[in-house]
């Protein structure tokens, strides 16, 4: 495996600290997102035993593009944050 340049690792480490994750988690999530974006066939359909006809969310697969590489891991946190911002002025 090729080493990560120091300047790139520093940015990864800063992002990881900001998100409360390890640099390895950030790298893994970014790699997963990049592969998914460039290899759309490498999704749930390739999982043994997966039947999209039985998955009520299958029709949404590939419909949206994530803007954050960890959205699949932290989707609940992002939804909660959006909801809190939308209702910030309510009592």
C-alpha atoms as a PDB file:
ATOM      1  CA  UNK A   1       0.000   0.000   0.000  1.00  0.00           C
ATOM      2  CA  UNK A   2       1.281   3.447  -0.875  1.00  0.00           C
ATOM      3  CA  UNK A   3       1.831   5.846   2.024  1.00  0.00           C
ATOM      4  CA  UNK A   4      -0.475   8.838   2.441  1.00  0.00           C
ATOM      5  CA  UNK A   5       1.356  12.159   1.965  1.00  0.00           C
ATOM      6  CA  UNK A   6       1.762  14.072   5.233  1.00  0.00           C
ATOM      7  CA  UNK A   7      -0.265  17.088   4.084  1.00  0.00           C
ATOM      8  CA  UNK A   8      -3.186  14.879   3.021  1.00  0.00           C
ATOM      9  CA  UNK A   9      -3.083  12.888   6.252  1.00  0.00           C
ATOM     10  CA  UNK A  10      -3.109  16.129   8.253  1.00  0.00           C
ATOM     11  CA  UNK A  11      -6.356  17.144   6.510  1.00  0.00           C
ATOM     12  CA  UNK A  12      -7.843  13.686   7.083  1.00  0.00           C
ATOM     13  CA  UNK A  13      -6.853  13.811  10.767  1.00  0.00           C
ATOM     14  CA  UNK A  14      -8.398  17.279  11.150  1.00  0.00           C
ATOM     15  CA  UNK A  15     -11.656  16.119   9.567  1.00  0.00           C
ATOM     16  CA  UNK A  16     -11.656  13.004  11.738  1.00  0.00           C
ATOM     17  CA  UNK A  17     -11.191  15.066  14.895  1.00  0.00           C
ATOM     18  CA  UNK A  18     -13.996  17.408  13.825  1.00  0.00           C
ATOM     19  CA  UNK A  19     -16.340  14.445  13.351  1.00  0.00           C
ATOM     20  CA  UNK A  20     -15.216  12.492  16.402  1.00  0.00           C
ATOM     21  CA  UNK A  21     -13.884   9.669  14.259  1.00  0.00           C
ATOM     22  CA  UNK A  22     -10.536   8.065  13.688  1.00  0.00           C
ATOM     23  CA  UNK A  23      -8.541   8.912  10.546  1.00  0.00           C
ATOM     24  CA  UNK A  24      -8.969   5.270   9.482  1.00  0.00           C
ATOM     25  CA  UNK A  25     -12.769   5.631   9.697  1.00  0.00           C
ATOM     26  CA  UNK A  26     -12.708   8.786   7.558  1.00  0.00           C
ATOM     27  CA  UNK A  27     -10.442   7.143   4.978  1.00  0.00           C
ATOM     28  CA  UNK A  28     -12.624   4.018   4.875  1.00  0.00           C
ATOM     29  CA  UNK A  29     -15.846   6.034   4.464  1.00  0.00           C
ATOM     30  CA  UNK A  30     -14.328   8.228   1.746  1.00  0.00           C
ATOM     31  CA  UNK A  31     -12.972   5.193  -0.078  1.00  0.00           C
ATOM     32  CA  UNK A  32     -16.327   3.431   0.151  1.00  0.00           C
ATOM     33  CA  UNK A  33     -18.157   6.511  -1.154  1.00  0.00           C
ATOM     34  CA  UNK A  34     -15.707   6.928  -4.016  1.00  0.00           C
ATOM     35  CA  UNK A  35     -15.980   3.292  -5.055  1.00  0.00           C
ATOM     36  CA  UNK A  36     -19.773   3.400  -4.842  1.00  0.00           C
ATOM     37  CA  UNK A  37     -19.824   6.549  -6.988  1.00  0.00           C
ATOM     38  CA  UNK A  38     -17.598   5.034  -9.654  1.00  0.00           C
ATOM     39  CA  UNK A  39     -18.813   1.449  -9.497  1.00  0.00           C
ATOM     40  CA  UNK A  40     -22.588   1.640  -9.081  1.00  0.00           C
ATOM     41  CA  UNK A  41     -22.899  -2.090  -9.752  1.00  0.00           C
ATOM     42  CA  UNK A  42     -21.040  -2.798  -6.498  1.00  0.00           C
ATOM     43  CA  UNK A  43     -24.117  -2.238  -4.351  1.00  0.00           C
ATOM     44  CA  UNK A  44     -26.665  -4.326  -2.488  1.00  0.00           C
ATOM     45  CA  UNK A  45     -27.591  -6.356  -5.558  1.00  0.00           C
ATOM     46  CA  UNK A  46     -24.221  -8.080  -5.248  1.00  0.00           C
ATOM     47  CA  UNK A  47     -24.943  -9.266  -1.701  1.00  0.00           C
ATOM     48  CA  UNK A  48     -25.825 -12.969  -1.581  1.00  0.00           C
ATOM     49  CA  UNK A  49     -29.448 -13.433  -0.517  1.00  0.00           C
ATOM     50  CA  UNK A  50     -30.468  -9.829  -1.231  1.00  0.00           C
ATOM     51  CA  UNK A  51     -33.750  -9.576  -3.123  1.00  0.00           C
ATOM     52  CA  UNK A  52     -34.635  -6.018  -4.197  1.00  0.00           C
ATOM     53  CA  UNK A  53     -38.259  -7.130  -4.671  1.00  0.00           C
ATOM     54  CA  UNK A  54     -38.447  -7.599  -0.890  1.00  0.00           C
ATOM     55  CA  UNK A  55     -36.696  -4.311  -0.050  1.00  0.00           C
ATOM     56  CA  UNK A  56     -39.108  -1.363   0.217  1.00  0.00           C
ATOM     57  CA  UNK A  57     -36.194   1.064  -0.172  1.00  0.00           C
ATOM     58  CA  UNK A  58     -34.656  -0.591  -3.247  1.00  0.00           C
ATOM     59  CA  UNK A  59     -36.300   1.916  -5.572  1.00  0.00           C
ATOM     60  CA  UNK A  60     -34.203   4.683  -3.971  1.00  0.00           C
ATOM     61  CA  UNK A  61     -30.860   2.939  -4.549  1.00  0.00           C
ATOM     62  CA  UNK A  62     -28.616   5.150  -6.656  1.00  0.00           C
ATOM     63  CA  UNK A  63     -31.150   7.991  -6.681  1.00  0.00           C
ATOM     64  CA  UNK A  64     -29.212  10.369  -4.464  1.00  0.00           C
ATOM     65  CA  UNK A  65     -25.598  11.465  -4.265  1.00  0.00           C
ATOM     66  CA  UNK A  66     -24.077  11.848  -0.821  1.00  0.00           C
ATOM     67  CA  UNK A  67     -22.240  15.098  -0.155  1.00  0.00           C
ATOM     68  CA  UNK A  68     -20.475  13.689   2.912  1.00  0.00           C
ATOM     69  CA  UNK A  69     -18.462  10.473   2.684  1.00  0.00           C
ATOM     70  CA  UNK A  70     -19.818   9.146   5.982  1.00  0.00           C
ATOM     71  CA  UNK A  71     -23.507   9.714   5.302  1.00  0.00           C
ATOM     72  CA  UNK A  72     -24.230   5.988   5.287  1.00  0.00           C
ATOM     73  CA  UNK A  73     -22.686   5.650   8.729  1.00  0.00           C
ATOM     74  CA  UNK A  74     -24.039   8.846  10.299  1.00  0.00           C
ATOM     75  CA  UNK A  75     -27.386   9.288   8.534  1.00  0.00           C
ATOM     76  CA  UNK A  76     -29.288   9.510  11.841  1.00  0.00           C
ATOM     77  CA  UNK A  77     -27.038  12.311  13.069  1.00  0.00           C
ATOM     78  CA  UNK A  78     -27.458  14.245   9.820  1.00  0.00           C
ATOM     79  CA  UNK A  79     -31.251  13.866   9.902  1.00  0.00           C
ATOM     80  CA  UNK A  80     -31.371  14.962  13.545  1.00  0.00           C
ATOM     81  CA  UNK A  81     -29.188  17.978  12.772  1.00  0.00           C
ATOM     82  CA  UNK A  82     -31.396  19.009   9.851  1.00  0.00           C
ATOM     83  CA  UNK A  83     -34.525  18.591  11.968  1.00  0.00           C
ATOM     84  CA  UNK A  84     -33.049  20.619  14.833  1.00  0.00           C
ATOM     85  CA  UNK A  85     -32.118  23.433  12.453  1.00  0.00           C
ATOM     86  CA  UNK A  86     -35.575  23.416  10.866  1.00  0.00           C
ATOM     87  CA  UNK A  87     -37.272  23.676  14.259  1.00  0.00           C
ATOM     88  CA  UNK A  88     -34.766  25.945  15.998  1.00  0.00           C
ATOM     89  CA  UNK A  89     -37.208  28.804  16.563  1.00  0.00           C
ATOM     90  CA  UNK A  90     -40.079  26.659  17.833  1.00  0.00           C
ATOM     91  CA  UNK A  91     -40.971  26.166  21.476  1.00  0.00           C
END
